[in-house]
Amino acid sequence: QKEERDEKLLKEVEVYVYCNAQRDFKLEDVAKHVGMNRTSFCSFFKRHVGKTFSHALNDYRIERACELLAKGDASVSDVAALCGFKDPAYFIKTFKRTLGTTPAKWKNH
């Protein structure tokens, strides 16, 4: 029963991220959405996913950025905005840290 509840909560988090990843939101927003406080949510998420929520969110956003870059019709700064990064420089830094290359180089590979 606890496993089912935990799976349901993780699915709710996944749907929330999918629906909101393009906008700026706080960890507290997700925690509240699933009925937890920040501390409980952070522990729950890390225990079940194996990484922090922020790390998982950045991974998801970078994965989405790769999809958009592969289509080739959006600029790097447009892709950054579409994936929820307010600052294109931070997007480029995060992209490079995650994939070892810049979005522009990745786009042109």
PDB file of N, CA and C in Angstrom:
ATOM      1  N   GLN A   1       0.819  -1.200   0.000  1.00  0.00           N
ATOM      2  CA  GLN A   1       0.000   0.000   0.000  1.00  0.00           C
ATOM      3  C   GLN A   1       0.867   1.271   0.000  1.00  0.00           C
ATOM      4  N   LYS A   2       1.904   1.281   0.829  1.00  0.00           N
ATOM      5  CA  LYS A   2       2.796   2.433   0.863  1.00  0.00           C
ATOM      6  C   LYS A   2       3.491   2.595  -0.487  1.00  0.00           C
ATOM      7  N   GLU A   3       3.885   1.474  -1.097  1.00  0.00           N
ATOM      8  CA  GLU A   3       4.530   1.526  -2.414  1.00  0.00           C
ATOM      9  C   GLU A   3       3.608   2.146  -3.451  1.00  0.00           C
ATOM     10  N   GLU A   4       2.345   1.754  -3.426  1.00  0.00           N
ATOM     11  CA  GLU A   4       1.363   2.304  -4.368  1.00  0.00           C
ATOM     12  C   GLU A   4       1.201   3.810  -4.162  1.00  0.00           C
ATOM     13  N   ARG A   5       1.133   4.216  -2.901  1.00  0.00           N
ATOM     14  CA  ARG A   5       0.986   5.638  -2.590  1.00  0.00           C
ATOM     15  C   ARG A   5       2.209   6.418  -3.062  1.00  0.00           C
ATOM     16  N   ASP A   6       3.383   5.859  -2.809  1.00  0.00           N
ATOM     17  CA  ASP A   6       4.615   6.517  -3.230  1.00  0.00           C
ATOM     18  C   ASP A   6       4.683   6.623  -4.750  1.00  0.00           C
ATOM     19  N   GLU A   7       4.311   5.564  -5.449  1.00  0.00           N
ATOM     20  CA  GLU A   7       4.291   5.601  -6.913  1.00  0.00           C
ATOM     21  C   GLU A   7       3.319   6.659  -7.426  1.00  0.00           C
ATOM     22  N   LYS A   8       2.177   6.751  -6.770  1.00  0.00           N
ATOM     23  CA  LYS A   8       1.175   7.754  -7.154  1.00  0.00           C
ATOM     24  C   LYS A   8       1.736   9.170  -6.953  1.00  0.00           C
ATOM     25  N   LEU A   9       2.412   9.398  -5.829  1.00  0.00           N
ATOM     26  CA  LEU A   9       3.009  10.709  -5.567  1.00  0.00           C
ATOM     27  C   LEU A   9       4.087  11.038  -6.601  1.00  0.00           C
ATOM     28  N   LEU A  10       4.920  10.062  -6.934  1.00  0.00           N
ATOM     29  CA  LEU A  10       5.961  10.292  -7.935  1.00  0.00           C
ATOM     30  C   LEU A  10       5.351  10.606  -9.297  1.00  0.00           C
ATOM     31  N   LYS A  11       4.254   9.945  -9.625  1.00  0.00           N
ATOM     32  CA  LYS A  11       3.565  10.218 -10.891  1.00  0.00           C
ATOM     33  C   LYS A  11       3.003  11.647 -10.877  1.00  0.00           C
ATOM     34  N   GLU A  12       2.448  12.071  -9.744  1.00  0.00           N
ATOM     35  CA  GLU A  12       1.941  13.442  -9.622  1.00  0.00           C
ATOM     36  C   GLU A  12       3.062  14.459  -9.816  1.00  0.00           C
ATOM     37  N   VAL A  13       4.242  14.168  -9.261  1.00  0.00           N
ATOM     38  CA  VAL A  13       5.397  15.050  -9.428  1.00  0.00           C
ATOM     39  C   VAL A  13       5.784  15.101 -10.902  1.00  0.00           C
ATOM     40  N   GLU A  14       5.830  13.940 -11.533  1.00  0.00           N
ATOM     41  CA  GLU A  14       6.189  13.853 -12.951  1.00  0.00           C
ATOM     42  C   GLU A  14       5.233  14.680 -13.815  1.00  0.00           C
ATOM     43  N   VAL A  15       3.957  14.563 -13.568  1.00  0.00           N
ATOM     44  CA  VAL A  15       2.952  15.313 -14.331  1.00  0.00           C
ATOM     45  C   VAL A  15       3.102  16.811 -14.066  1.00  0.00           C
ATOM     46  N   TYR A  16       3.321  17.174 -12.813  1.00  0.00           N
ATOM     47  CA  TYR A  16       3.506  18.588 -12.469  1.00  0.00           C
ATOM     48  C   TYR A  16       4.699  19.167 -13.227  1.00  0.00           C
ATOM     49  N   VAL A  17       5.812  18.439 -13.215  1.00  0.00           N
ATOM     50  CA  VAL A  17       7.017  18.908 -13.909  1.00  0.00           C
ATOM     51  C   VAL A  17       6.747  19.002 -15.403  1.00  0.00           C
ATOM     52  N   TYR A  18       6.134  18.000 -15.969  1.00  0.00           N
ATOM     53  CA  TYR A  18       5.832  18.003 -17.400  1.00  0.00           C
ATOM     54  C   TYR A  18       4.981  19.224 -17.781  1.00  0.00           C
ATOM     55  N   CYS A  19       4.004  19.528 -16.964  1.00  0.00           N
ATOM     56  CA  CYS A  19       3.084  20.636 -17.264  1.00  0.00           C
ATOM     57  C   CYS A  19       3.672  22.012 -16.954  1.00  0.00           C
ATOM     58  N   ASN A  20       4.682  22.072 -16.087  1.00  0.00           N
ATOM     59  CA  ASN A  20       5.181  23.365 -15.617  1.00  0.00           C
ATOM     60  C   ASN A  20       6.663  23.635 -15.878  1.00  0.00           C
ATOM     61  N   ALA A  21       7.362  22.708 -16.503  1.00  0.00           N
ATOM     62  CA  ALA A  21       8.821  22.837 -16.656  1.00  0.00           C
ATOM     63  C   ALA A  21       9.227  24.081 -17.432  1.00  0.00           C
ATOM     64  N   GLN A  22       8.351  24.579 -18.279  1.00  0.00           N
ATOM     65  CA  GLN A  22       8.701  25.755 -19.080  1.00  0.00           C
ATOM     66  C   GLN A  22       8.576  27.059 -18.291  1.00  0.00           C
ATOM     67  N   ARG A  23       8.015  26.999 -17.114  1.00  0.00           N
ATOM     68  CA  ARG A  23       7.902  28.216 -16.316  1.00  0.00           C
ATOM     69  C   ARG A  23       8.761  28.097 -15.054  1.00  0.00           C
ATOM     70  N   ASP A  24       8.990  29.208 -14.430  1.00  0.00           N
ATOM     71  CA  ASP A  24       9.769  29.236 -13.204  1.00  0.00           C
ATOM     72  C   ASP A  24       8.863  28.833 -12.043  1.00  0.00           C
ATOM     73  N   PHE A  25       9.248  27.799 -11.328  1.00  0.00           N
ATOM     74  CA  PHE A  25       8.507  27.427 -10.123  1.00  0.00           C
ATOM     75  C   PHE A  25       9.487  26.972  -9.058  1.00  0.00           C
ATOM     76  N   LYS A  26       9.024  26.959  -7.836  1.00  0.00           N
ATOM     77  CA  LYS A  26       9.880  26.616  -6.716  1.00  0.00           C
ATOM     78  C   LYS A  26       9.608  25.177  -6.263  1.00  0.00           C
ATOM     79  N   LEU A  27      10.606  24.623  -5.633  1.00  0.00           N
ATOM     80  CA  LEU A  27      10.471  23.291  -5.060  1.00  0.00           C
ATOM     81  C   LEU A  27       9.256  23.239  -4.124  1.00  0.00           C
ATOM     82  N   GLU A  28       9.046  24.316  -3.388  1.00  0.00           N
ATOM     83  CA  GLU A  28       7.909  24.385  -2.468  1.00  0.00           C
ATOM     84  C   GLU A  28       6.577  24.213  -3.206  1.00  0.00           C
ATOM     85  N   ASP A  29       6.505  24.712  -4.446  1.00  0.00           N
ATOM     86  CA  ASP A  29       5.278  24.589  -5.233  1.00  0.00           C
ATOM     87  C   ASP A  29       4.943  23.120  -5.500  1.00  0.00           C
ATOM     88  N   VAL A  30       5.965  22.348  -5.837  1.00  0.00           N
ATOM     89  CA  VAL A  30       5.764  20.921  -6.113  1.00  0.00           C
ATOM     90  C   VAL A  30       5.408  20.194  -4.825  1.00  0.00           C
ATOM     91  N   ALA A  31       6.137  20.496  -3.764  1.00  0.00           N
ATOM     92  CA  ALA A  31       5.869  19.859  -2.466  1.00  0.00           C
ATOM     93  C   ALA A  31       4.424  20.112  -2.042  1.00  0.00           C
ATOM     94  N   LYS A  32       3.991  21.350  -2.162  1.00  0.00           N
ATOM     95  CA  LYS A  32       2.622  21.707  -1.787  1.00  0.00           C
ATOM     96  C   LYS A  32       1.619  20.967  -2.678  1.00  0.00           C
ATOM     97  N   HIS A  33       1.939  20.879  -3.960  1.00  0.00           N
ATOM     98  CA  HIS A  33       1.056  20.198  -4.916  1.00  0.00           C
ATOM     99  C   HIS A  33       0.795  18.746  -4.505  1.00  0.00           C
ATOM    100  N   VAL A  34       1.815  18.092  -3.959  1.00  0.00           N
ATOM    101  CA  VAL A  34       1.640  16.689  -3.546  1.00  0.00           C
ATOM    102  C   VAL A  34       1.360  16.547  -2.052  1.00  0.00           C
ATOM    103  N   GLY A  35       1.116  17.664  -1.375  1.00  0.00           N
ATOM    104  CA  GLY A  35       0.694  17.630   0.025  1.00  0.00           C
ATOM    105  C   GLY A  35       1.807  17.365   1.016  1.00  0.00           C
ATOM    106  N   MET A  36       3.005  17.842   0.714  1.00  0.00           N
ATOM    107  CA  MET A  36       4.130  17.647   1.633  1.00  0.00           C
ATOM    108  C   MET A  36       4.781  18.993   1.932  1.00  0.00           C
ATOM    109  N   ASN A  37       5.529  19.030   3.027  1.00  0.00           N
ATOM    110  CA  ASN A  37       6.355  20.205   3.260  1.00  0.00           C
ATOM    111  C   ASN A  37       7.675  20.007   2.519  1.00  0.00           C
ATOM    112  N   ARG A  38       8.461  21.056   2.436  1.00  0.00           N
ATOM    113  CA  ARG A  38       9.696  21.036   1.656  1.00  0.00           C
ATOM    114  C   ARG A  38      10.648  19.914   2.098  1.00  0.00           C
ATOM    115  N   THR A  39      10.874  19.812   3.401  1.00  0.00           N
ATOM    116  CA  THR A  39      11.828  18.836   3.933  1.00  0.00           C
ATOM    117  C   THR A  39      11.386  17.405   3.642  1.00  0.00           C
ATOM    118  N   SER A  40      10.128  17.109   3.897  1.00  0.00           N
ATOM    119  CA  SER A  40       9.603  15.763   3.638  1.00  0.00           C
ATOM    120  C   SER A  40       9.685  15.425   2.160  1.00  0.00           C
ATOM    121  N   PHE A  41       9.322  16.405   1.322  1.00  0.00           N
ATOM    122  CA  PHE A  41       9.356  16.181  -0.117  1.00  0.00           C
ATOM    123  C   PHE A  41      10.784  15.894  -0.588  1.00  0.00           C
ATOM    124  N   CYS A  42      11.743  16.691  -0.126  1.00  0.00           N
ATOM    125  CA  CYS A  42      13.141  16.499  -0.534  1.00  0.00           C
ATOM    126  C   CYS A  42      13.641  15.108  -0.151  1.00  0.00           C
ATOM    127  N   SER A  43      13.344  14.676   1.051  1.00  0.00           N
ATOM    128  CA  SER A  43      13.754  13.338   1.507  1.00  0.00           C
ATOM    129  C   SER A  43      13.071  12.256   0.686  1.00  0.00           C
ATOM    130  N   PHE A  44      11.768  12.398   0.510  1.00  0.00           N
ATOM    131  CA  PHE A  44      10.985  11.434  -0.272  1.00  0.00           C
ATOM    132  C   PHE A  44      11.533  11.314  -1.694  1.00  0.00           C
ATOM    133  N   PHE A  45      11.736  12.448  -2.338  1.00  0.00           N
ATOM    134  CA  PHE A  45      12.174  12.442  -3.737  1.00  0.00           C
ATOM    135  C   PHE A  45      13.554  11.809  -3.871  1.00  0.00           C
ATOM    136  N   LYS A  46      14.488  12.228  -3.032  1.00  0.00           N
ATOM    137  CA  LYS A  46      15.859  11.704  -3.105  1.00  0.00           C
ATOM    138  C   LYS A  46      15.875  10.194  -2.832  1.00  0.00           C
ATOM    139  N   ARG A  47      15.088   9.748  -1.885  1.00  0.00           N
ATOM    140  CA  ARG A  47      15.025   8.321  -1.538  1.00  0.00           C
ATOM    141  C   ARG A  47      14.511   7.499  -2.720  1.00  0.00           C
ATOM    142  N   HIS A  48      13.527   8.016  -3.438  1.00  0.00           N
ATOM    143  CA  HIS A  48      12.902   7.244  -4.520  1.00  0.00           C
ATOM    144  C   HIS A  48      13.563   7.428  -5.884  1.00  0.00           C
ATOM    145  N   VAL A  49      14.160   8.585  -6.110  1.00  0.00           N
ATOM    146  CA  VAL A  49      14.715   8.878  -7.438  1.00  0.00           C
ATOM    147  C   VAL A  49      16.245   8.778  -7.447  1.00  0.00           C
ATOM    148  N   GLY A  50      16.861   8.966  -6.288  1.00  0.00           N
ATOM    149  CA  GLY A  50      18.307   8.835  -6.202  1.00  0.00           C
ATOM    150  C   GLY A  50      19.077  10.115  -6.469  1.00  0.00           C
ATOM    151  N   LYS A  51      18.355  11.205  -6.675  1.00  0.00           N
ATOM    152  CA  LYS A  51      18.997  12.518  -6.835  1.00  0.00           C
ATOM    153  C   LYS A  51      18.049  13.576  -6.315  1.00  0.00           C
ATOM    154  N   THR A  52      18.589  14.770  -6.117  1.00  0.00           N
ATOM    155  CA  THR A  52      17.744  15.843  -5.604  1.00  0.00           C
ATOM    156  C   THR A  52      16.713  16.249  -6.664  1.00  0.00           C
ATOM    157  N   PHE A  53      15.652  16.883  -6.207  1.00  0.00           N
ATOM    158  CA  PHE A  53      14.632  17.347  -7.137  1.00  0.00           C
ATOM    159  C   PHE A  53      15.221  18.345  -8.119  1.00  0.00           C
ATOM    160  N   SER A  54      16.041  19.275  -7.637  1.00  0.00           N
ATOM    161  CA  SER A  54      16.642  20.284  -8.515  1.00  0.00           C
ATOM    162  C   SER A  54      17.487  19.638  -9.603  1.00  0.00           C
ATOM    163  N   HIS A  55      18.257  18.639  -9.224  1.00  0.00           N
ATOM    164  CA  HIS A  55      19.087  17.930 -10.202  1.00  0.00           C
ATOM    165  C   HIS A  55      18.206  17.213 -11.230  1.00  0.00           C
ATOM    166  N   ALA A  56      17.170  16.547 -10.756  1.00  0.00           N
ATOM    167  CA  ALA A  56      16.261  15.832 -11.664  1.00  0.00           C
ATOM    168  C   ALA A  56      15.534  16.797 -12.590  1.00  0.00           C
ATOM    169  N   LEU A  57      15.133  17.954 -12.060  1.00  0.00           N
ATOM    170  CA  LEU A  57      14.449  18.958 -12.883  1.00  0.00           C
ATOM    171  C   LEU A  57      15.385  19.492 -13.966  1.00  0.00           C
ATOM    172  N   ASN A  58      16.625  19.799 -13.592  1.00  0.00           N
ATOM    173  CA  ASN A  58      17.585  20.261 -14.594  1.00  0.00           C
ATOM    174  C   ASN A  58      17.824  19.190 -15.656  1.00  0.00           C
ATOM    175  N   ASP A  59      17.943  17.927 -15.242  1.00  0.00           N
ATOM    176  CA  ASP A  59      18.116  16.835 -16.206  1.00  0.00           C
ATOM    177  C   ASP A  59      16.939  16.777 -17.175  1.00  0.00           C
ATOM    178  N   TYR A  60      15.727  16.894 -16.634  1.00  0.00           N
ATOM    179  CA  TYR A  60      14.531  16.868 -17.481  1.00  0.00           C
ATOM    180  C   TYR A  60      14.547  18.044 -18.463  1.00  0.00           C
ATOM    181  N   ARG A  61      14.871  19.228 -17.959  1.00  0.00           N
ATOM    182  CA  ARG A  61      14.890  20.421 -18.812  1.00  0.00           C
ATOM    183  C   ARG A  61      15.965  20.314 -19.900  1.00  0.00           C
ATOM    184  N   ILE A  62      17.109  19.745 -19.576  1.00  0.00           N
ATOM    185  CA  ILE A  62      18.176  19.574 -20.566  1.00  0.00           C
ATOM    186  C   ILE A  62      17.749  18.537 -21.606  1.00  0.00           C
ATOM    187  N   GLU A  63      17.100  17.485 -21.162  1.00  0.00           N
ATOM    188  CA  GLU A  63      16.580  16.474 -22.095  1.00  0.00           C
ATOM    189  C   GLU A  63      15.580  17.108 -23.065  1.00  0.00           C
ATOM    190  N   ARG A  64      14.712  17.933 -22.543  1.00  0.00           N
ATOM    191  CA  ARG A  64      13.729  18.643 -23.371  1.00  0.00           C
ATOM    192  C   ARG A  64      14.443  19.613 -24.323  1.00  0.00           C
ATOM    193  N   ALA A  65      15.461  20.278 -23.836  1.00  0.00           N
ATOM    194  CA  ALA A  65      16.238  21.203 -24.668  1.00  0.00           C
ATOM    195  C   ALA A  65      16.858  20.458 -25.849  1.00  0.00           C
ATOM    196  N   CYS A  66      17.373  19.267 -25.605  1.00  0.00           N
ATOM    197  CA  CYS A  66      17.965  18.467 -26.688  1.00  0.00           C
ATOM    198  C   CYS A  66      16.926  18.165 -27.766  1.00  0.00           C
ATOM    199  N   GLU A  67      15.713  17.841 -27.344  1.00  0.00           N
ATOM    200  CA  GLU A  67      14.634  17.572 -28.302  1.00  0.00           C
ATOM    201  C   GLU A  67      14.367  18.816 -29.157  1.00  0.00           C
ATOM    202  N   LEU A  68      14.287  19.975 -28.504  1.00  0.00           N
ATOM    203  CA  LEU A  68      14.009  21.221 -29.231  1.00  0.00           C
ATOM    204  C   LEU A  68      15.173  21.614 -30.128  1.00  0.00           C
ATOM    205  N   LEU A  69      16.395  21.447 -29.638  1.00  0.00           N
ATOM    206  CA  LEU A  69      17.567  21.780 -30.444  1.00  0.00           C
ATOM    207  C   LEU A  69      17.671  20.868 -31.669  1.00  0.00           C
ATOM    208  N   ALA A  70      17.279  19.626 -31.504  1.00  0.00           N
ATOM    209  CA  ALA A  70      17.344  18.658 -32.609  1.00  0.00           C
ATOM    210  C   ALA A  70      16.412  19.062 -33.751  1.00  0.00           C
ATOM    211  N   LYS A  71      15.311  19.715 -33.402  1.00  0.00           N
ATOM    212  CA  LYS A  71      14.380  20.187 -34.437  1.00  0.00           C
ATOM    213  C   LYS A  71      15.001  21.304 -35.259  1.00  0.00           C
ATOM    214  N   GLY A  72      15.922  22.042 -34.610  1.00  0.00           N
ATOM    215  CA  GLY A  72      16.731  23.005 -35.325  1.00  0.00           C
ATOM    216  C   GLY A  72      16.151  24.363 -35.631  1.00  0.00           C
ATOM    217  N   ASP A  73      14.899  24.630 -35.302  1.00  0.00           N
ATOM    218  CA  ASP A  73      14.326  25.914 -35.701  1.00  0.00           C
ATOM    219  C   ASP A  73      14.284  26.975 -34.598  1.00  0.00           C
ATOM    220  N   ALA A  74      14.698  26.638 -33.394  1.00  0.00           N
ATOM    221  CA  ALA A  74      14.687  27.616 -32.296  1.00  0.00           C
ATOM    222  C   ALA A  74      16.120  27.995 -31.921  1.00  0.00           C
ATOM    223  N   SER A  75      16.300  29.241 -31.539  1.00  0.00           N
ATOM    224  CA  SER A  75      17.621  29.688 -31.096  1.00  0.00           C
ATOM    225  C   SER A  75      17.917  29.106 -29.711  1.00  0.00           C
ATOM    226  N   VAL A  76      19.172  29.157 -29.326  1.00  0.00           N
ATOM    227  CA  VAL A  76      19.569  28.650 -28.009  1.00  0.00           C
ATOM    228  C   VAL A  76      18.839  29.415 -26.907  1.00  0.00           C
ATOM    229  N   SER A  77      18.726  30.735 -27.041  1.00  0.00           N
ATOM    230  CA  SER A  77      18.027  31.492 -25.984  1.00  0.00           C
ATOM    231  C   SER A  77      16.535  31.202 -25.975  1.00  0.00           C
ATOM    232  N   ASP A  78      15.945  30.940 -27.144  1.00  0.00           N
ATOM    233  CA  ASP A  78      14.531  30.537 -27.175  1.00  0.00           C
ATOM    234  C   ASP A  78      14.341  29.183 -26.503  1.00  0.00           C
ATOM    235  N   VAL A  79      15.242  28.262 -26.793  1.00  0.00           N
ATOM    236  CA  VAL A  79      15.173  26.926 -26.180  1.00  0.00           C
ATOM    237  C   VAL A  79      15.314  27.050 -24.667  1.00  0.00           C
ATOM    238  N   ALA A  80      16.249  27.879 -24.222  1.00  0.00           N
ATOM    239  CA  ALA A  80      16.427  28.088 -22.782  1.00  0.00           C
ATOM    240  C   ALA A  80      15.112  28.529 -22.147  1.00  0.00           C
ATOM    241  N   ALA A  81      14.467  29.519 -22.742  1.00  0.00           N
ATOM    242  CA  ALA A  81      13.201  30.038 -22.205  1.00  0.00           C
ATOM    243  C   ALA A  81      12.104  28.976 -22.248  1.00  0.00           C
ATOM    244  N   LEU A  82      12.028  28.238 -23.348  1.00  0.00           N
ATOM    245  CA  LEU A  82      11.003  27.199 -23.488  1.00  0.00           C
ATOM    246  C   LEU A  82      11.178  26.069 -22.468  1.00  0.00           C
ATOM    247  N   CYS A  83      12.399  25.906 -21.979  1.00  0.00           N
ATOM    248  CA  CYS A  83      12.686  24.842 -21.022  1.00  0.00           C
ATOM    249  C   CYS A  83      12.731  25.327 -19.575  1.00  0.00           C
ATOM    250  N   GLY A  84      12.371  26.589 -19.356  1.00  0.00           N
ATOM    251  CA  GLY A  84      12.257  27.094 -17.989  1.00  0.00           C
ATOM    252  C   GLY A  84      13.498  27.739 -17.421  1.00  0.00           C
ATOM    253  N   PHE A  85      14.498  27.980 -18.250  1.00  0.00           N
ATOM    254  CA  PHE A  85      15.695  28.679 -17.788  1.00  0.00           C
ATOM    255  C   PHE A  85      15.515  30.165 -18.058  1.00  0.00           C
ATOM    256  N   LYS A  86      15.464  30.963 -16.999  1.00  0.00           N
ATOM    257  CA  LYS A  86      15.291  32.413 -17.156  1.00  0.00           C
ATOM    258  C   LYS A  86      16.528  33.056 -17.756  1.00  0.00           C
ATOM    259  N   ASP A  87      17.678  32.497 -17.430  1.00  0.00           N
ATOM    260  CA  ASP A  87      18.956  33.083 -17.837  1.00  0.00           C
ATOM    261  C   ASP A  87      19.640  32.170 -18.860  1.00  0.00           C
ATOM    262  N   PRO A  88      19.769  32.622 -20.114  1.00  0.00           N
ATOM    263  CA  PRO A  88      20.418  31.790 -21.136  1.00  0.00           C
ATOM    264  C   PRO A  88      21.844  31.377 -20.764  1.00  0.00           C
ATOM    265  N   ALA A  89      22.576  32.238 -20.059  1.00  0.00           N
ATOM    266  CA  ALA A  89      23.946  31.897 -19.650  1.00  0.00           C
ATOM    267  C   ALA A  89      23.936  30.717 -18.671  1.00  0.00           C
ATOM    268  N   TYR A  90      22.977  30.718 -17.747  1.00  0.00           N
ATOM    269  CA  TYR A  90      22.858  29.600 -16.804  1.00  0.00           C
ATOM    270  C   TYR A  90      22.459  28.325 -17.553  1.00  0.00           C
ATOM    271  N   PHE A  91      21.589  28.457 -18.533  1.00  0.00           N
ATOM    272  CA  PHE A  91      21.192  27.319 -19.360  1.00  0.00           C
ATOM    273  C   PHE A  91      22.418  26.713 -20.046  1.00  0.00           C
ATOM    274  N   ILE A  92      23.229  27.565 -20.663  1.00  0.00           N
ATOM    275  CA  ILE A  92      24.420  27.079 -21.377  1.00  0.00           C
ATOM    276  C   ILE A  92      25.376  26.384 -20.399  1.00  0.00           C
ATOM    277  N   LYS A  93      25.573  26.989 -19.240  1.00  0.00           N
ATOM    278  CA  LYS A  93      26.458  26.411 -18.219  1.00  0.00           C
ATOM    279  C   LYS A  93      25.927  25.049 -17.758  1.00  0.00           C
ATOM    280  N   THR A  94      24.626  24.964 -17.492  1.00  0.00           N
ATOM    281  CA  THR A  94      24.015  23.711 -17.043  1.00  0.00           C
ATOM    282  C   THR A  94      24.072  22.652 -18.140  1.00  0.00           C
ATOM    283  N   PHE A  95      23.796  23.059 -19.363  1.00  0.00           N
ATOM    284  CA  PHE A  95      23.845  22.151 -20.510  1.00  0.00           C
ATOM    285  C   PHE A  95      25.250  21.576 -20.655  1.00  0.00           C
ATOM    286  N   LYS A  96      26.248  22.456 -20.596  1.00  0.00           N
ATOM    287  CA  LYS A  96      27.642  22.017 -20.756  1.00  0.00           C
ATOM    288  C   LYS A  96      28.066  21.101 -19.609  1.00  0.00           C
ATOM    289  N   ARG A  97      27.665  21.426 -18.385  1.00  0.00           N
ATOM    290  CA  ARG A  97      28.000  20.594 -17.229  1.00  0.00           C
ATOM    291  C   ARG A  97      27.342  19.213 -17.362  1.00  0.00           C
ATOM    292  N   THR A  98      26.141  19.175 -17.909  1.00  0.00           N
ATOM    293  CA  THR A  98      25.404  17.917 -18.037  1.00  0.00           C
ATOM    294  C   THR A  98      25.902  17.070 -19.201  1.00  0.00           C
ATOM    295  N   LEU A  99      26.129  17.694 -20.361  1.00  0.00           N
ATOM    296  CA  LEU A  99      26.443  16.932 -21.570  1.00  0.00           C
ATOM    297  C   LEU A  99      27.871  17.102 -22.088  1.00  0.00           C
ATOM    298  N   GLY A 100      28.631  18.002 -21.467  1.00  0.00           N
ATOM    299  CA  GLY A 100      30.021  18.170 -21.865  1.00  0.00           C
ATOM    300  C   GLY A 100      30.231  18.997 -23.122  1.00  0.00           C
ATOM    301  N   THR A 101      29.192  19.634 -23.601  1.00  0.00           N
ATOM    302  CA  THR A 101      29.295  20.489 -24.775  1.00  0.00           C
ATOM    303  C   THR A 101      28.265  21.608 -24.671  1.00  0.00           C
ATOM    304  N   THR A 102      28.413  22.623 -25.484  1.00  0.00           N
ATOM    305  CA  THR A 102      27.452  23.726 -25.443  1.00  0.00           C
ATOM    306  C   THR A 102      26.216  23.369 -26.272  1.00  0.00           C
ATOM    307  N   PRO A 103      25.098  24.049 -26.014  1.00  0.00           N
ATOM    308  CA  PRO A 103      23.894  23.798 -26.810  1.00  0.00           C
ATOM    309  C   PRO A 103      24.124  24.056 -28.304  1.00  0.00           C
ATOM    310  N   ALA A 104      24.881  25.108 -28.628  1.00  0.00           N
ATOM    311  CA  ALA A 104      25.132  25.445 -30.033  1.00  0.00           C
ATOM    312  C   ALA A 104      25.910  24.334 -30.731  1.00  0.00           C
ATOM    313  N   LYS A 105      26.940  23.825 -30.069  1.00  0.00           N
ATOM    314  CA  LYS A 105      27.722  22.721 -30.655  1.00  0.00           C
ATOM    315  C   LYS A 105      26.867  21.464 -30.758  1.00  0.00           C
ATOM    316  N   TRP A 106      26.080  21.198 -29.725  1.00  0.00           N
ATOM    317  CA  TRP A 106      25.217  20.019 -29.741  1.00  0.00           C
ATOM    318  C   TRP A 106      24.223  20.104 -30.886  1.00  0.00           C
ATOM    319  N   LYS A 107      23.676  21.285 -31.070  1.00  0.00           N
ATOM    320  CA  LYS A 107      22.677  21.512 -32.125  1.00  0.00           C
ATOM    321  C   LYS A 107      23.265  21.237 -33.508  1.00  0.00           C
ATOM    322  N   ASN A 108      24.530  21.577 -33.698  1.00  0.00           N
ATOM    323  CA  ASN A 108      25.166  21.449 -35.000  1.00  0.00           C
ATOM    324  C   ASN A 108      25.922  20.147 -35.210  1.00  0.00           C
ATOM    325  N   HIS A 109      25.777  19.207 -34.274  1.00  0.00           N
ATOM    326  CA  HIS A 109      26.532  17.946 -34.429  1.00  0.00           C
ATOM    327  C   HIS A 109      25.964  17.035 -35.488  1.00  0.00           C
TER     328      HIS A 109
END
